[in-house]
PDB file of N, CA and C in Angstrom:
ATOM      1  N   MET A   1      -0.283  12.516 -40.815  1.00  0.00           N
ATOM      2  CA  MET A   1       0.655  13.246 -39.979  1.00  0.00           C
ATOM      3  C   MET A   1      -0.053  14.400 -39.282  1.00  0.00           C
ATOM      4  N   VAL A   2      -0.759  15.225 -40.028  1.00  0.00           N
ATOM      5  CA  VAL A   2      -1.457  16.378 -39.451  1.00  0.00           C
ATOM      6  C   VAL A   2      -2.565  15.911 -38.526  1.00  0.00           C
ATOM      7  N   VAL A   3      -3.240  14.830 -38.880  1.00  0.00           N
ATOM      8  CA  VAL A   3      -4.339  14.317 -38.056  1.00  0.00           C
ATOM      9  C   VAL A   3      -3.801  13.825 -36.719  1.00  0.00           C
ATOM     10  N   SER A   4      -2.644  13.159 -36.721  1.00  0.00           N
ATOM     11  CA  SER A   4      -2.087  12.655 -35.463  1.00  0.00           C
ATOM     12  C   SER A   4      -1.664  13.801 -34.548  1.00  0.00           C
ATOM     13  N   ILE A   5      -1.108  14.884 -35.094  1.00  0.00           N
ATOM     14  CA  ILE A   5      -0.736  16.051 -34.286  1.00  0.00           C
ATOM     15  C   ILE A   5      -1.980  16.702 -33.707  1.00  0.00           C
ATOM     16  N   PHE A   6      -3.045  16.800 -34.519  1.00  0.00           N
ATOM     17  CA  PHE A   6      -4.297  17.399 -34.053  1.00  0.00           C
ATOM     18  C   PHE A   6      -4.887  16.560 -32.916  1.00  0.00           C
ATOM     19  N   LEU A   7      -4.883  15.226 -33.052  1.00  0.00           N
ATOM     20  CA  LEU A   7      -5.415  14.366 -32.004  1.00  0.00           C
ATOM     21  C   LEU A   7      -4.568  14.442 -30.735  1.00  0.00           C
ATOM     22  N   ALA A   8      -3.258  14.545 -30.889  1.00  0.00           N
ATOM     23  CA  ALA A   8      -2.393  14.680 -29.717  1.00  0.00           C
ATOM     24  C   ALA A   8      -2.666  15.995 -29.009  1.00  0.00           C
ATOM     25  N   ASN A   9      -2.933  17.050 -29.772  1.00  0.00           N
ATOM     26  CA  ASN A   9      -3.240  18.351 -29.188  1.00  0.00           C
ATOM     27  C   ASN A   9      -4.562  18.285 -28.422  1.00  0.00           C
ATOM     28  N   LEU A  10      -5.555  17.620 -28.973  1.00  0.00           N
ATOM     29  CA  LEU A  10      -6.834  17.478 -28.273  1.00  0.00           C
ATOM     30  C   LEU A  10      -6.671  16.646 -27.015  1.00  0.00           C
ATOM     31  N   GLU A  11      -5.859  15.601 -27.089  1.00  0.00           N
ATOM     32  CA  GLU A  11      -5.626  14.762 -25.921  1.00  0.00           C
ATOM     33  C   GLU A  11      -4.933  15.563 -24.818  1.00  0.00           C
ATOM     34  N   TRP A  12      -3.964  16.415 -25.156  1.00  0.00           N
ATOM     35  CA  TRP A  12      -3.265  17.243 -24.179  1.00  0.00           C
ATOM     36  C   TRP A  12      -4.218  18.232 -23.526  1.00  0.00           C
ATOM     37  N   LYS A  13      -5.090  18.849 -24.326  1.00  0.00           N
ATOM     38  CA  LYS A  13      -6.058  19.782 -23.755  1.00  0.00           C
ATOM     39  C   LYS A  13      -7.043  19.059 -22.845  1.00  0.00           C
ATOM     40  N   GLY A  14      -7.351  17.809 -23.168  1.00  0.00           N
ATOM     41  CA  GLY A  14      -8.233  17.030 -22.311  1.00  0.00           C
ATOM     42  C   GLY A  14      -7.601  16.765 -20.961  1.00  0.00           C
ATOM     43  N   HIS A  15      -6.297  16.475 -20.954  1.00  0.00           N
ATOM     44  CA  HIS A  15      -5.597  16.263 -19.693  1.00  0.00           C
ATOM     45  C   HIS A  15      -5.584  17.533 -18.856  1.00  0.00           C
ATOM     46  N   LEU A  16      -5.384  18.678 -19.517  1.00  0.00           N
ATOM     47  CA  LEU A  16      -5.388  19.946 -18.787  1.00  0.00           C
ATOM     48  C   LEU A  16      -6.760  20.229 -18.201  1.00  0.00           C
ATOM     49  N   ALA A  17      -7.812  19.888 -18.942  1.00  0.00           N
ATOM     50  CA  ALA A  17      -9.164  20.106 -18.433  1.00  0.00           C
ATOM     51  C   ALA A  17      -9.438  19.193 -17.241  1.00  0.00           C
ATOM     52  N   ASN A  18      -8.915  17.960 -17.275  1.00  0.00           N
ATOM     53  CA  ASN A  18      -9.098  17.059 -16.139  1.00  0.00           C
ATOM     54  C   ASN A  18      -8.383  17.561 -14.898  1.00  0.00           C
ATOM     55  N   LEU A  19      -7.301  18.308 -15.084  1.00  0.00           N
ATOM     56  CA  LEU A  19      -6.575  18.864 -13.954  1.00  0.00           C
ATOM     57  C   LEU A  19      -7.222  20.130 -13.417  1.00  0.00           C
ATOM     58  N   GLY A  20      -8.244  20.610 -14.048  1.00  0.00           N
ATOM     59  CA  GLY A  20      -8.913  21.817 -13.598  1.00  0.00           C
ATOM     60  C   GLY A  20      -8.350  23.079 -14.215  1.00  0.00           C
ATOM     61  N   LEU A  21      -7.609  22.955 -15.289  1.00  0.00           N
ATOM     62  CA  LEU A  21      -7.015  24.116 -15.949  1.00  0.00           C
ATOM     63  C   LEU A  21      -7.814  24.444 -17.204  1.00  0.00           C
ATOM     64  N   ARG A  22      -9.054  24.825 -17.010  1.00  0.00           N
ATOM     65  CA  ARG A  22      -9.940  25.071 -18.153  1.00  0.00           C
ATOM     66  C   ARG A  22      -9.520  26.274 -18.976  1.00  0.00           C
ATOM     67  N   HIS A  23      -8.820  27.230 -18.390  1.00  0.00           N
ATOM     68  CA  HIS A  23      -8.444  28.434 -19.115  1.00  0.00           C
ATOM     69  C   HIS A  23      -7.365  28.159 -20.156  1.00  0.00           C
ATOM     70  N   PHE A  24      -6.695  27.009 -20.111  1.00  0.00           N
ATOM     71  CA  PHE A  24      -5.697  26.675 -21.111  1.00  0.00           C
ATOM     72  C   PHE A  24      -6.307  25.961 -22.315  1.00  0.00           C
ATOM     73  N   GLN A  25      -7.578  25.621 -22.266  1.00  0.00           N
ATOM     74  CA  GLN A  25      -8.181  24.894 -23.377  1.00  0.00           C
ATOM     75  C   GLN A  25      -8.201  25.734 -24.645  1.00  0.00           C
ATOM     76  N   SER A  26      -8.375  27.023 -24.503  1.00  0.00           N
ATOM     77  CA  SER A  26      -8.394  27.864 -25.693  1.00  0.00           C
ATOM     78  C   SER A  26      -6.980  28.146 -26.200  1.00  0.00           C
ATOM     79  N   GLY A  27      -5.971  27.819 -25.402  1.00  0.00           N
ATOM     80  CA  GLY A  27      -4.596  28.054 -25.811  1.00  0.00           C
ATOM     81  C   GLY A  27      -4.097  29.422 -25.402  1.00  0.00           C
ATOM     82  N   VAL A  28      -4.960  30.248 -24.782  1.00  0.00           N
ATOM     83  CA  VAL A  28      -4.582  31.595 -24.380  1.00  0.00           C
ATOM     84  C   VAL A  28      -4.910  31.756 -22.902  1.00  0.00           C
ATOM     85  N   PHE A  29      -4.002  32.302 -22.140  1.00  0.00           N
ATOM     86  CA  PHE A  29      -4.264  32.550 -20.727  1.00  0.00           C
ATOM     87  C   PHE A  29      -5.072  33.833 -20.623  1.00  0.00           C
ATOM     88  N   ASP A  30      -6.246  33.728 -20.051  1.00  0.00           N
ATOM     89  CA  ASP A  30      -7.117  34.903 -19.976  1.00  0.00           C
ATOM     90  C   ASP A  30      -7.345  35.386 -18.552  1.00  0.00           C
ATOM     91  N   GLY A  31      -6.652  34.810 -17.555  1.00  0.00           N
ATOM     92  CA  GLY A  31      -6.764  35.297 -16.201  1.00  0.00           C
ATOM     93  C   GLY A  31      -7.936  34.748 -15.420  1.00  0.00           C
ATOM     94  N   THR A  32      -8.692  33.791 -15.978  1.00  0.00           N
ATOM     95  CA  THR A  32      -9.846  33.272 -15.248  1.00  0.00           C
ATOM     96  C   THR A  32      -9.440  32.308 -14.146  1.00  0.00           C
ATOM     97  N   ALA A  33      -8.194  31.825 -14.150  1.00  0.00           N
ATOM     98  CA  ALA A  33      -7.759  30.896 -13.106  1.00  0.00           C
ATOM     99  C   ALA A  33      -7.730  31.594 -11.748  1.00  0.00           C
ATOM    100  N   MET A  34      -7.358  32.852 -11.731  1.00  0.00           N
ATOM    101  CA  MET A  34      -7.318  33.593 -10.474  1.00  0.00           C
ATOM    102  C   MET A  34      -8.718  33.743  -9.901  1.00  0.00           C
ATOM    103  N   VAL A  35      -9.706  33.990 -10.748  1.00  0.00           N
ATOM    104  CA  VAL A  35     -11.077  34.163 -10.285  1.00  0.00           C
ATOM    105  C   VAL A  35     -11.637  32.831  -9.796  1.00  0.00           C
ATOM    106  N   GLU A  36     -11.327  31.736 -10.513  1.00  0.00           N
ATOM    107  CA  GLU A  36     -11.857  30.431 -10.139  1.00  0.00           C
ATOM    108  C   GLU A  36     -11.271  29.946  -8.819  1.00  0.00           C
ATOM    109  N   ASN A  37     -10.001  30.267  -8.528  1.00  0.00           N
ATOM    110  CA  ASN A  37      -9.362  29.827  -7.297  1.00  0.00           C
ATOM    111  C   ASN A  37      -9.599  30.796  -6.149  1.00  0.00           C
ATOM    112  N   GLY A  38     -10.422  31.773  -6.310  1.00  0.00           N
ATOM    113  CA  GLY A  38     -10.690  32.739  -5.262  1.00  0.00           C
ATOM    114  C   GLY A  38      -9.644  33.832  -5.196  1.00  0.00           C
ATOM    115  N   GLY A  39      -8.821  33.989  -6.226  1.00  0.00           N
ATOM    116  CA  GLY A  39      -7.824  35.035  -6.264  1.00  0.00           C
ATOM    117  C   GLY A  39      -6.517  34.682  -5.584  1.00  0.00           C
ATOM    118  N   TRP A  40      -6.334  33.433  -5.158  1.00  0.00           N
ATOM    119  CA  TRP A  40      -5.127  33.043  -4.443  1.00  0.00           C
ATOM    120  C   TRP A  40      -4.323  32.036  -5.245  1.00  0.00           C
ATOM    121  N   LEU A  41      -3.009  32.180  -5.188  1.00  0.00           N
ATOM    122  CA  LEU A  41      -2.128  31.190  -5.781  1.00  0.00           C
ATOM    123  C   LEU A  41      -1.820  30.109  -4.755  1.00  0.00           C
ATOM    124  N   ALA A  42      -1.386  28.960  -5.210  1.00  0.00           N
ATOM    125  CA  ALA A  42      -1.071  27.860  -4.307  1.00  0.00           C
ATOM    126  C   ALA A  42       0.224  28.113  -3.535  1.00  0.00           C
ATOM    127  N   VAL A  43       1.126  28.954  -4.083  1.00  0.00           N
ATOM    128  CA  VAL A  43       2.424  29.212  -3.459  1.00  0.00           C
ATOM    129  C   VAL A  43       2.599  30.718  -3.311  1.00  0.00           C
ATOM    130  N   ASP A  44       3.101  31.154  -2.171  1.00  0.00           N
ATOM    131  CA  ASP A  44       3.389  32.566  -1.953  1.00  0.00           C
ATOM    132  C   ASP A  44       4.736  32.883  -2.588  1.00  0.00           C
ATOM    133  N   LEU A  45       4.729  33.670  -3.658  1.00  0.00           N
ATOM    134  CA  LEU A  45       5.950  33.938  -4.397  1.00  0.00           C
ATOM    135  C   LEU A  45       6.824  35.002  -3.746  1.00  0.00           C
ATOM    136  N   LEU A  46       6.231  35.878  -2.962  1.00  0.00           N
ATOM    137  CA  LEU A  46       7.008  36.942  -2.330  1.00  0.00           C
ATOM    138  C   LEU A  46       7.664  36.508  -1.027  1.00  0.00           C
ATOM    139  N   ASN A  47       7.093  35.533  -0.345  1.00  0.00           N
ATOM    140  CA  ASN A  47       7.641  35.059   0.926  1.00  0.00           C
ATOM    141  C   ASN A  47       7.841  33.550   0.890  1.00  0.00           C
ATOM    142  N   PRO A  48       8.844  33.076   0.156  1.00  0.00           N
ATOM    143  CA  PRO A  48       9.058  31.623   0.079  1.00  0.00           C
ATOM    144  C   PRO A  48       9.605  31.080   1.397  1.00  0.00           C
ATOM    145  N   SER A  49       9.401  29.805   1.617  1.00  0.00           N
ATOM    146  CA  SER A  49       9.903  29.175   2.836  1.00  0.00           C
ATOM    147  C   SER A  49      11.423  29.057   2.771  1.00  0.00           C
ATOM    148  N   ALA A  50      12.042  28.881   3.918  1.00  0.00           N
ATOM    149  CA  ALA A  50      13.501  28.769   3.977  1.00  0.00           C
ATOM    150  C   ALA A  50      13.981  27.516   3.247  1.00  0.00           C
ATOM    151  N   GLU A  51      13.204  26.441   3.314  1.00  0.00           N
ATOM    152  CA  GLU A  51      13.583  25.196   2.627  1.00  0.00           C
ATOM    153  C   GLU A  51      13.581  25.372   1.119  1.00  0.00           C
ATOM    154  N   SER A  52      12.543  26.032   0.590  1.00  0.00           N
ATOM    155  CA  SER A  52      12.480  26.221  -0.862  1.00  0.00           C
ATOM    156  C   SER A  52      13.565  27.175  -1.339  1.00  0.00           C
ATOM    157  N   GLU A  53      13.922  28.165  -0.520  1.00  0.00           N
ATOM    158  CA  GLU A  53      15.009  29.069  -0.882  1.00  0.00           C
ATOM    159  C   GLU A  53      16.347  28.347  -0.913  1.00  0.00           C
ATOM    160  N   LYS A  54      16.546  27.438   0.014  1.00  0.00           N
ATOM    161  CA  LYS A  54      17.812  26.714   0.061  1.00  0.00           C
ATOM    162  C   LYS A  54      17.944  25.762  -1.127  1.00  0.00           C
ATOM    163  N   ARG A  55      16.825  25.155  -1.538  1.00  0.00           N
ATOM    164  CA  ARG A  55      16.848  24.225  -2.666  1.00  0.00           C
ATOM    165  C   ARG A  55      16.994  24.935  -3.999  1.00  0.00           C
ATOM    166  N   ALA A  56      16.555  26.183  -4.080  1.00  0.00           N
ATOM    167  CA  ALA A  56      16.557  26.908  -5.348  1.00  0.00           C
ATOM    168  C   ALA A  56      17.983  27.207  -5.797  1.00  0.00           C
ATOM    169  N   HIS A  57      18.153  27.364  -7.104  1.00  0.00           N
ATOM    170  CA  HIS A  57      19.450  27.716  -7.668  1.00  0.00           C
ATOM    171  C   HIS A  57      19.866  29.084  -7.158  1.00  0.00           C
ATOM    172  N   LYS A  58      21.162  29.330  -7.053  1.00  0.00           N
ATOM    173  CA  LYS A  58      21.638  30.569  -6.446  1.00  0.00           C
ATOM    174  C   LYS A  58      21.188  31.824  -7.201  1.00  0.00           C
ATOM    175  N   LEU A  59      20.865  31.721  -8.473  1.00  0.00           N
ATOM    176  CA  LEU A  59      20.390  32.877  -9.234  1.00  0.00           C
ATOM    177  C   LEU A  59      18.869  32.962  -9.291  1.00  0.00           C
ATOM    178  N   LYS A  60      18.161  31.917  -8.858  1.00  0.00           N
ATOM    179  CA  LYS A  60      16.704  31.893  -8.911  1.00  0.00           C
ATOM    180  C   LYS A  60      16.069  32.242  -7.575  1.00  0.00           C
ATOM    181  N   ARG A  61      16.856  32.629  -6.582  1.00  0.00           N
ATOM    182  CA  ARG A  61      16.314  32.994  -5.284  1.00  0.00           C
ATOM    183  C   ARG A  61      15.748  34.397  -5.328  1.00  0.00           C
ATOM    184  N   VAL A  62      14.935  34.752  -4.330  1.00  0.00           N
ATOM    185  CA  VAL A  62      14.378  36.097  -4.260  1.00  0.00           C
ATOM    186  C   VAL A  62      15.516  37.100  -4.132  1.00  0.00           C
ATOM    187  N   VAL A  63      16.486  36.833  -3.270  1.00  0.00           N
ATOM    188  CA  VAL A  63      17.700  37.635  -3.161  1.00  0.00           C
ATOM    189  C   VAL A  63      18.865  36.738  -3.566  1.00  0.00           C
ATOM    190  N   PRO A  64      19.423  36.920  -4.772  1.00  0.00           N
ATOM    191  CA  PRO A  64      20.493  36.031  -5.231  1.00  0.00           C
ATOM    192  C   PRO A  64      21.729  36.145  -4.337  1.00  0.00           C
ATOM    193  N   ARG A  65      22.272  35.007  -3.939  1.00  0.00           N
ATOM    194  CA  ARG A  65      23.486  34.974  -3.140  1.00  0.00           C
ATOM    195  C   ARG A  65      24.230  33.685  -3.456  1.00  0.00           C
ATOM    196  N   PRO A  66      25.547  33.681  -3.255  1.00  0.00           N
ATOM    197  CA  PRO A  66      26.321  32.491  -3.593  1.00  0.00           C
ATOM    198  C   PRO A  66      26.127  31.370  -2.579  1.00  0.00           C
ATOM    199  N   ASN A  67      26.476  30.156  -2.984  1.00  0.00           N
ATOM    200  CA  ASN A  67      26.407  28.997  -2.097  1.00  0.00           C
ATOM    201  C   ASN A  67      27.698  28.811  -1.305  1.00  0.00           C
ATOM    202  N   SER A  68      28.757  29.511  -1.685  1.00  0.00           N
ATOM    203  CA  SER A  68      30.047  29.342  -1.015  1.00  0.00           C
ATOM    204  C   SER A  68      30.138  30.278   0.194  1.00  0.00           C
ATOM    205  N   TYR A  69      31.117  30.004   1.041  1.00  0.00           N
ATOM    206  CA  TYR A  69      31.271  30.781   2.270  1.00  0.00           C
ATOM    207  C   TYR A  69      32.699  30.633   2.770  1.00  0.00           C
ATOM    208  N   PHE A  70      33.094  31.498   3.697  1.00  0.00           N
ATOM    209  CA  PHE A  70      34.365  31.371   4.386  1.00  0.00           C
ATOM    210  C   PHE A  70      34.113  30.661   5.703  1.00  0.00           C
ATOM    211  N   MET A  71      35.112  29.921   6.171  1.00  0.00           N
ATOM    212  CA  MET A  71      34.937  29.184   7.414  1.00  0.00           C
ATOM    213  C   MET A  71      36.226  29.205   8.223  1.00  0.00           C
ATOM    214  N   ASP A  72      36.059  29.137   9.535  1.00  0.00           N
ATOM    215  CA  ASP A  72      37.185  28.991  10.451  1.00  0.00           C
ATOM    216  C   ASP A  72      37.437  27.504  10.636  1.00  0.00           C
ATOM    217  N   VAL A  73      38.650  27.044  10.334  1.00  0.00           N
ATOM    218  CA  VAL A  73      39.008  25.636  10.471  1.00  0.00           C
ATOM    219  C   VAL A  73      40.026  25.519  11.598  1.00  0.00           C
ATOM    220  N   LYS A  74      39.731  24.643  12.563  1.00  0.00           N
ATOM    221  CA  LYS A  74      40.634  24.434  13.691  1.00  0.00           C
ATOM    222  C   LYS A  74      41.496  23.208  13.418  1.00  0.00           C
ATOM    223  N   CYS A  75      42.792  23.381  13.530  1.00  0.00           N
ATOM    224  CA  CYS A  75      43.736  22.292  13.311  1.00  0.00           C
ATOM    225  C   CYS A  75      43.625  21.287  14.452  1.00  0.00           C
ATOM    226  N   SER A  76      43.688  20.008  14.120  1.00  0.00           N
ATOM    227  CA  SER A  76      43.571  18.971  15.150  1.00  0.00           C
ATOM    228  C   SER A  76      44.881  18.775  15.917  1.00  0.00           C
ATOM    229  N   GLY A  77      46.000  19.263  15.374  1.00  0.00           N
ATOM    230  CA  GLY A  77      47.293  19.074  16.034  1.00  0.00           C
ATOM    231  C   GLY A  77      47.636  20.194  17.006  1.00  0.00           C
ATOM    232  N   CYS A  78      47.626  21.445  16.503  1.00  0.00           N
ATOM    233  CA  CYS A  78      48.051  22.575  17.341  1.00  0.00           C
ATOM    234  C   CYS A  78      46.896  23.489  17.747  1.00  0.00           C
ATOM    235  N   PHE A  79      45.696  23.210  17.283  1.00  0.00           N
ATOM    236  CA  PHE A  79      44.472  23.952  17.605  1.00  0.00           C
ATOM    237  C   PHE A  79      44.512  25.406  17.150  1.00  0.00           C
ATOM    238  N   ASN A  80      45.314  25.715  16.120  1.00  0.00           N
ATOM    239  CA  ASN A  80      45.275  27.038  15.496  1.00  0.00           C
ATOM    240  C   ASN A  80      44.035  27.143  14.619  1.00  0.00           C
ATOM    241  N   ILE A  81      43.501  28.358  14.490  1.00  0.00           N
ATOM    242  CA  ILE A  81      42.331  28.584  13.641  1.00  0.00           C
ATOM    243  C   ILE A  81      42.795  29.298  12.378  1.00  0.00           C
ATOM    244  N   THR A  82      42.398  28.752  11.231  1.00  0.00           N
ATOM    245  CA  THR A  82      42.758  29.301   9.929  1.00  0.00           C
ATOM    246  C   THR A  82      41.488  29.567   9.148  1.00  0.00           C
ATOM    247  N   VAL A  83      41.442  30.687   8.425  1.00  0.00           N
ATOM    248  CA  VAL A  83      40.291  31.019   7.583  1.00  0.00           C
ATOM    249  C   VAL A  83      40.479  30.343   6.230  1.00  0.00           C
ATOM    250  N   VAL A  84      39.452  29.573   5.812  1.00  0.00           N
ATOM    251  CA  VAL A  84      39.512  28.809   4.561  1.00  0.00           C
ATOM    252  C   VAL A  84      38.237  29.078   3.779  1.00  0.00           C
ATOM    253  N   PHE A  85      38.364  29.200   2.448  1.00  0.00           N
ATOM    254  CA  PHE A  85      37.206  29.345   1.566  1.00  0.00           C
ATOM    255  C   PHE A  85      36.603  27.964   1.337  1.00  0.00           C
ATOM    256  N   SER A  86      35.286  27.871   1.335  1.00  0.00           N
ATOM    257  CA  SER A  86      34.631  26.561   1.235  1.00  0.00           C
ATOM    258  C   SER A  86      34.905  25.861  -0.089  1.00  0.00           C
ATOM    259  N   ASN A  87      35.118  26.616  -1.153  1.00  0.00           N
ATOM    260  CA  ASN A  87      35.381  26.026  -2.461  1.00  0.00           C
ATOM    261  C   ASN A  87      36.833  26.283  -2.882  1.00  0.00           C
ATOM    262  N   SER A  88      37.747  26.157  -1.946  1.00  0.00           N
ATOM    263  CA  SER A  88      39.150  26.461  -2.255  1.00  0.00           C
ATOM    264  C   SER A  88      39.684  25.491  -3.309  1.00  0.00           C
ATOM    265  N   GLN A  89      40.543  26.008  -4.166  1.00  0.00           N
ATOM    266  CA  GLN A  89      41.074  25.212  -5.264  1.00  0.00           C
ATOM    267  C   GLN A  89      42.532  24.831  -5.054  1.00  0.00           C
ATOM    268  N   SER A  90      43.040  25.047  -3.848  1.00  0.00           N
ATOM    269  CA  SER A  90      44.412  24.657  -3.535  1.00  0.00           C
ATOM    270  C   SER A  90      44.436  24.013  -2.159  1.00  0.00           C
ATOM    271  N   VAL A  91      45.491  23.266  -1.891  1.00  0.00           N
ATOM    272  CA  VAL A  91      45.651  22.609  -0.605  1.00  0.00           C
ATOM    273  C   VAL A  91      45.960  23.677   0.444  1.00  0.00           C
ATOM    274  N   VAL A  92      45.250  23.639   1.571  1.00  0.00           N
ATOM    275  CA  VAL A  92      45.464  24.600   2.650  1.00  0.00           C
ATOM    276  C   VAL A  92      46.157  23.875   3.795  1.00  0.00           C
ATOM    277  N   THR A  93      47.276  24.430   4.240  1.00  0.00           N
ATOM    278  CA  THR A  93      48.018  23.834   5.346  1.00  0.00           C
ATOM    279  C   THR A  93      47.958  24.749   6.563  1.00  0.00           C
ATOM    280  N   CYS A  94      48.171  24.175   7.723  1.00  0.00           N
ATOM    281  CA  CYS A  94      48.182  24.921   8.973  1.00  0.00           C
ATOM    282  C   CYS A  94      49.487  25.711   9.055  1.00  0.00           C
ATOM    283  N   PRO A  95      49.431  27.002   9.379  1.00  0.00           N
ATOM    284  CA  PRO A  95      50.675  27.775   9.468  1.00  0.00           C
ATOM    285  C   PRO A  95      51.534  27.387  10.671  1.00  0.00           C
ATOM    286  N   GLY A  96      50.927  26.776  11.686  1.00  0.00           N
ATOM    287  CA  GLY A  96      51.679  26.420  12.887  1.00  0.00           C
ATOM    288  C   GLY A  96      52.436  25.111  12.755  1.00  0.00           C
ATOM    289  N   CYS A  97      51.751  24.054  12.292  1.00  0.00           N
ATOM    290  CA  CYS A  97      52.389  22.726  12.272  1.00  0.00           C
ATOM    291  C   CYS A  97      52.493  22.125  10.873  1.00  0.00           C
ATOM    292  N   SER A  98      52.086  22.831   9.852  1.00  0.00           N
ATOM    293  CA  SER A  98      52.192  22.431   8.433  1.00  0.00           C
ATOM    294  C   SER A  98      51.417  21.163   8.098  1.00  0.00           C
ATOM    295  N   THR A  99      50.374  20.832   8.847  1.00  0.00           N
ATOM    296  CA  THR A  99      49.520  19.709   8.465  1.00  0.00           C
ATOM    297  C   THR A  99      48.480  20.196   7.465  1.00  0.00           C
ATOM    298  N   VAL A 100      48.004  19.299   6.627  1.00  0.00           N
ATOM    299  CA  VAL A 100      47.025  19.644   5.603  1.00  0.00           C
ATOM    300  C   VAL A 100      45.648  19.772   6.254  1.00  0.00           C
ATOM    301  N   LEU A 101      44.991  20.932   6.083  1.00  0.00           N
ATOM    302  CA  LEU A 101      43.660  21.156   6.652  1.00  0.00           C
ATOM    303  C   LEU A 101      42.556  20.731   5.696  1.00  0.00           C
ATOM    304  N   CYS A 102      42.726  21.037   4.406  1.00  0.00           N
ATOM    305  CA  CYS A 102      41.710  20.628   3.433  1.00  0.00           C
ATOM    306  C   CYS A 102      42.348  20.430   2.074  1.00  0.00           C
ATOM    307  N   GLN A 103      41.681  19.596   1.272  1.00  0.00           N
ATOM    308  CA  GLN A 103      42.135  19.301  -0.082  1.00  0.00           C
ATOM    309  C   GLN A 103      41.032  19.655  -1.056  1.00  0.00           C
ATOM    310  N   PRO A 104      41.384  20.179  -2.222  1.00  0.00           N
ATOM    311  CA  PRO A 104      40.358  20.556  -3.194  1.00  0.00           C
ATOM    312  C   PRO A 104      39.723  19.336  -3.852  1.00  0.00           C
ATOM    313  N   THR A 105      38.456  19.465  -4.187  1.00  0.00           N
ATOM    314  CA  THR A 105      37.738  18.478  -5.006  1.00  0.00           C
ATOM    315  C   THR A 105      37.150  19.246  -6.175  1.00  0.00           C
ATOM    316  N   GLY A 106      36.217  18.679  -6.865  1.00  0.00           N
ATOM    317  CA  GLY A 106      35.596  19.375  -7.983  1.00  0.00           C
ATOM    318  C   GLY A 106      34.771  20.571  -7.554  1.00  0.00           C
ATOM    319  N   GLY A 107      34.230  20.529  -6.332  1.00  0.00           N
ATOM    320  CA  GLY A 107      33.399  21.631  -5.852  1.00  0.00           C
ATOM    321  C   GLY A 107      33.883  22.096  -4.497  1.00  0.00           C
ATOM    322  N   ARG A 108      33.269  21.578  -3.445  1.00  0.00           N
ATOM    323  CA  ARG A 108      33.654  21.953  -2.088  1.00  0.00           C
ATOM    324  C   ARG A 108      34.980  21.307  -1.713  1.00  0.00           C
ATOM    325  N   ALA A 109      35.717  22.001  -0.835  1.00  0.00           N
ATOM    326  CA  ALA A 109      36.981  21.454  -0.343  1.00  0.00           C
ATOM    327  C   ALA A 109      36.686  20.391   0.714  1.00  0.00           C
ATOM    328  N   ARG A 110      37.465  19.330   0.716  1.00  0.00           N
ATOM    329  CA  ARG A 110      37.279  18.238   1.671  1.00  0.00           C
ATOM    330  C   ARG A 110      38.202  18.450   2.861  1.00  0.00           C
ATOM    331  N   LEU A 111      37.613  18.578   4.064  1.00  0.00           N
ATOM    332  CA  LEU A 111      38.409  18.741   5.279  1.00  0.00           C
ATOM    333  C   LEU A 111      39.021  17.409   5.672  1.00  0.00           C
ATOM    334  N   THR A 112      40.212  17.468   6.260  1.00  0.00           N
ATOM    335  CA  THR A 112      40.837  16.244   6.750  1.00  0.00           C
ATOM    336  C   THR A 112      40.161  15.822   8.049  1.00  0.00           C
ATOM    337  N   GLU A 113      40.292  14.552   8.379  1.00  0.00           N
ATOM    338  CA  GLU A 113      39.658  14.036   9.592  1.00  0.00           C
ATOM    339  C   GLU A 113      40.274  14.670  10.822  1.00  0.00           C
ATOM    340  N   GLY A 114      39.434  15.000  11.781  1.00  0.00           N
ATOM    341  CA  GLY A 114      39.884  15.617  13.021  1.00  0.00           C
ATOM    342  C   GLY A 114      39.776  17.126  13.020  1.00  0.00           C
ATOM    343  N   CYS A 115      39.666  17.747  11.842  1.00  0.00           N
ATOM    344  CA  CYS A 115      39.530  19.205  11.762  1.00  0.00           C
ATOM    345  C   CYS A 115      38.061  19.570  11.953  1.00  0.00           C
ATOM    346  N   SER A 116      37.824  20.607  12.731  1.00  0.00           N
ATOM    347  CA  SER A 116      36.465  21.096  12.919  1.00  0.00           C
ATOM    348  C   SER A 116      36.369  22.476  12.265  1.00  0.00           C
ATOM    349  N   PHE A 117      35.142  22.866  11.898  1.00  0.00           N
ATOM    350  CA  PHE A 117      34.962  24.143  11.222  1.00  0.00           C
ATOM    351  C   PHE A 117      33.658  24.783  11.670  1.00  0.00           C
ATOM    352  N   ARG A 118      33.553  26.088  11.398  1.00  0.00           N
ATOM    353  CA  ARG A 118      32.307  26.824  11.567  1.00  0.00           C
ATOM    354  C   ARG A 118      32.256  27.893  10.489  1.00  0.00           C
ATOM    355  N   LYS A 119      31.057  28.209  10.027  1.00  0.00           N
ATOM    356  CA  LYS A 119      30.897  29.240   9.016  1.00  0.00           C
ATOM    357  C   LYS A 119      31.156  30.603   9.625  1.00  0.00           C
ATOM    358  N   LYS A 120      31.832  31.446   8.873  1.00  0.00           N
ATOM    359  CA  LYS A 120      32.045  32.814   9.322  1.00  0.00           C
ATOM    360  C   LYS A 120      30.815  33.634   8.983  1.00  0.00           C
ATOM    361  N   ILE A 121      30.438  34.498   9.872  1.00  0.00           N
ATOM    362  CA  ILE A 121      29.290  35.374   9.660  1.00  0.00           C
ATOM    363  C   ILE A 121      29.843  36.758   9.409  1.00  0.00           C
ATOM    364  N   ASN A 122      29.760  37.203   8.166  1.00  0.00           N
ATOM    365  CA  ASN A 122      30.233  38.511   7.715  1.00  0.00           C
ATOM    366  C   ASN A 122      31.444  38.957   8.481  1.00  0.00           C
TER     367      ASN A 122
END
């Protein structure tokens, strides 16, 4: 049992060495990776790209912000504009003609066909 764990540990360190991560062979990070790579990381952590920020979880972003938003929804019947929350948990109807604008789902609200929307900016 102990021999198999020891061999698995050696095999894992061998894989790390093949990847060029020699500083992990001792099991302790000693900062030599920065010197070997010329002092540069592969990814800029302070200025991430817009795509990586959008993919990241809402709490793991550089500036945490929610994924939900308010939107202006235009009714397809009377063309009134109503403000709707993107993750609304109740059915939203048009105040002018009483048609259903959106229905709740598990996450985002589903707009009815024919309704158009735009995100509100602050």
